[in-house]
Protein backbone atom coordinates (compact mmCIF):
# COMPACT_ATOMS: atom_id res chain seq x y z
CA MET A 1 101.43 127.64 137.00
CA GLN A 2 103.72 129.15 134.43
CA ASN A 3 106.20 126.29 134.95
CA ARG A 4 103.50 123.68 134.24
CA SER A 5 102.54 125.57 131.14
CA LEU A 6 106.14 125.47 129.88
CA VAL A 7 106.43 121.79 130.68
CA ALA A 8 103.16 121.07 128.93
CA SER A 9 104.19 123.06 125.91
CA GLY A 10 107.63 121.47 125.87
CA PHE A 11 106.01 118.04 125.92
CA VAL A 12 103.82 118.94 122.97
CA VAL A 13 106.80 120.22 121.00
CA LEU A 14 108.94 117.26 122.04
CA PHE A 15 106.15 114.81 121.24
CA GLY A 16 105.65 116.50 117.89
CA LEU A 17 109.34 116.09 117.09
CA MET A 18 109.39 112.48 118.24
CA PHE A 19 106.29 111.72 116.21
CA ALA A 20 107.86 113.22 113.10
CA ALA A 21 111.07 111.27 113.66
CA CYS A 22 109.26 107.95 114.12
CA GLY A 23 107.75 107.83 110.61
CA THR A 24 109.58 105.34 108.44
CA GLN A 25 109.03 107.29 105.25
CA PRO A 26 106.64 109.91 103.96
CA ALA A 27 103.51 108.56 102.34
CA PRO A 28 103.41 109.00 98.59
CA VAL A 29 101.48 111.98 97.33
CA ALA A 30 97.77 111.42 96.80
CA SER A 31 96.64 110.61 93.32
CA VAL A 32 95.74 113.10 90.66
CA ALA A 33 92.35 111.48 90.16
CA SER A 34 91.30 111.55 93.80
CA GLY A 35 92.41 115.06 94.74
CA PRO A 36 95.14 116.44 96.96
CA THR A 37 93.80 115.25 100.34
CA ALA A 38 92.96 111.62 99.53
CA GLU A 39 95.23 108.97 101.01
CA PRO A 40 96.32 106.23 98.62
CA ALA A 41 95.10 102.70 99.34
CA ARG A 42 97.64 100.63 101.26
CA PRO A 43 98.14 96.88 101.69
CA SER A 44 97.37 95.32 105.07
CA ASN A 45 100.87 93.87 105.30
CA PRO A 46 103.65 96.23 106.46
CA GLY A 47 106.79 97.12 104.59
CA GLY A 48 108.31 99.71 102.34
CA PRO A 49 108.97 99.75 98.62
CA GLY A 50 111.35 97.28 97.04
CA ALA A 51 114.11 97.72 94.50
CA ALA A 52 111.59 97.34 91.65
CA ILE A 53 110.66 101.02 91.84
CA SER A 54 114.17 101.94 90.73
CA LEU A 55 114.12 99.60 87.73
CA THR A 56 112.69 100.18 84.27
CA GLY A 57 109.77 97.86 83.70
CA ASP A 58 108.75 96.36 80.38
CA PRO A 59 104.94 96.32 80.02
CA LYS A 60 105.05 93.52 77.40
CA ALA A 61 107.04 91.27 79.74
CA GLY A 62 104.73 92.39 82.55
CA ALA A 63 101.67 91.25 80.57
CA VAL A 64 103.13 87.74 80.33
CA ILE A 65 103.95 87.65 84.05
CA PHE A 66 100.48 89.04 84.84
CA THR A 67 98.79 86.36 82.72
CA THR A 68 100.77 83.61 84.45
CA ASN A 69 100.55 84.84 88.05
CA CYS A 70 97.85 87.48 88.51
CA GLN A 71 95.07 86.86 86.01
CA THR A 72 93.51 84.03 88.02
CA CYS A 73 92.58 86.50 90.77
CA HIS A 74 92.38 89.86 89.01
CA GLY A 75 90.73 88.64 85.80
CA ASP A 76 91.68 88.94 82.15
CA GLN A 77 93.65 92.18 81.67
CA GLY A 78 92.90 93.00 85.32
CA LYS A 79 89.20 93.64 84.64
CA GLY A 80 88.19 91.95 87.91
CA GLY A 81 84.91 90.25 88.68
CA VAL A 82 86.53 87.36 90.56
CA ILE A 83 84.56 86.34 93.66
CA ASN A 84 86.35 86.40 97.03
CA THR A 85 84.01 84.87 99.58
CA GLY A 86 84.58 86.01 103.14
CA SER A 87 85.92 89.41 102.08
CA THR A 88 83.94 92.53 102.93
CA ASP A 89 83.23 93.51 99.33
CA GLY A 90 83.00 89.92 98.04
CA THR A 91 85.34 90.31 95.08
CA ILE A 92 89.02 90.75 94.34
CA PRO A 93 89.77 94.35 93.35
CA PRO A 94 90.08 94.99 89.62
CA LEU A 95 93.30 96.48 88.29
CA ASN A 96 91.70 97.83 85.14
CA PRO A 97 90.46 100.31 86.14
CA ILE A 98 92.57 100.44 89.27
CA ASP A 99 91.65 102.18 92.53
CA ALA A 100 91.99 105.88 91.63
CA SER A 101 93.86 106.64 94.85
CA LEU A 102 96.84 104.62 93.56
CA VAL A 103 97.25 106.67 90.38
CA SER A 104 99.72 109.56 90.46
CA ALA A 105 101.17 111.93 87.88
CA ASP A 106 104.53 111.30 89.57
CA PRO A 107 105.79 108.01 88.03
CA LYS A 108 107.84 107.08 91.12
CA VAL A 109 104.85 107.60 93.44
CA TYR A 110 102.58 105.62 91.10
CA ALA A 111 105.09 102.76 90.95
CA THR A 112 105.55 102.84 94.74
CA ASN A 113 101.80 102.68 95.33
CA LEU A 114 101.62 99.47 93.26
CA ASP A 115 104.92 98.06 94.49
CA LEU A 116 103.83 97.97 98.13
CA PHE A 117 101.07 95.50 97.26
CA LEU A 118 103.32 93.40 95.02
CA GLN A 119 106.19 93.25 97.49
CA HIS A 120 104.27 92.51 100.68
CA GLY A 121 100.84 91.22 99.68
CA SER A 122 97.61 92.11 101.43
CA THR A 123 94.72 90.47 103.22
CA PRO A 124 91.35 91.96 102.30
CA ALA A 125 88.96 93.13 105.01
CA GLY A 126 86.41 90.54 106.08
CA ASP A 127 85.85 87.59 108.39
CA LYS A 128 87.77 84.98 106.39
CA PRO A 129 88.63 86.04 102.85
CA ALA A 130 89.15 82.97 100.68
CA LYS A 131 91.89 84.69 98.68
CA GLN A 132 94.70 87.05 99.66
CA MET A 133 97.22 89.04 97.66
CA ALA A 134 100.48 87.08 97.66
CA PRO A 135 103.70 88.76 98.88
CA TRP A 136 105.44 88.28 95.53
CA GLY A 137 108.58 90.17 96.52
CA ASP A 138 108.89 89.07 100.15
CA SER A 139 108.47 85.42 99.16
CA GLY A 140 110.95 85.70 96.29
CA THR A 141 108.37 84.25 93.91
CA LEU A 142 108.96 87.14 91.52
CA THR A 143 112.25 88.94 91.02
CA GLN A 144 112.44 92.70 91.43
CA GLN A 145 112.69 93.02 87.64
CA GLN A 146 109.54 90.94 87.18
CA ILE A 147 107.74 93.14 89.72
CA ALA A 148 108.91 96.24 87.81
CA ASP A 149 107.55 94.66 84.62
CA VAL A 150 104.15 93.97 86.23
CA ILE A 151 104.04 97.54 87.56
CA ALA A 152 104.74 98.85 84.04
CA TYR A 153 101.96 96.63 82.65
CA VAL A 154 99.38 97.73 85.24
CA ILE A 155 100.31 101.38 84.67
CA SER A 156 99.89 100.83 80.90
CA LEU A 157 96.32 99.68 81.62
CA ASN A 158 95.70 102.81 83.72
CA PRO A 159 97.54 105.77 82.18
CA VAL A 160 97.48 109.10 83.98
CA LYS A 161 94.89 111.37 82.39
């Protein structure tokens, strides 16, 4: 019996170590606004952050890029209200105000939380959403600098309080 107990406990320890080693990267810290145990929202499409999180974004340039590429879906200045038939909630998420779980006092975490959506896109929950978030980075439609600029613009709309 004691041998089985050691094997069982070794498996738990070994499994615990394997599980820890399998994670691709730690999840960014939860937002200031949503408390220490809330998980930040994540896109449906997999992938890690892009090079944009290491660049300095220009919010003025980001506003121009946003107007050209993002406003159609997220509304003027990201205020939302755009219908997305077939999605669970029926609209495209606003970016002003943004989901509180994405906001962080740590600028790198905040940028990463936004970057994941911009790099890889996302398909909203629902039977057949009419609109999906484009994978701006993965498709090469926007450069990493342009993504950094859009991140800076969206953060300027939603400063940490």
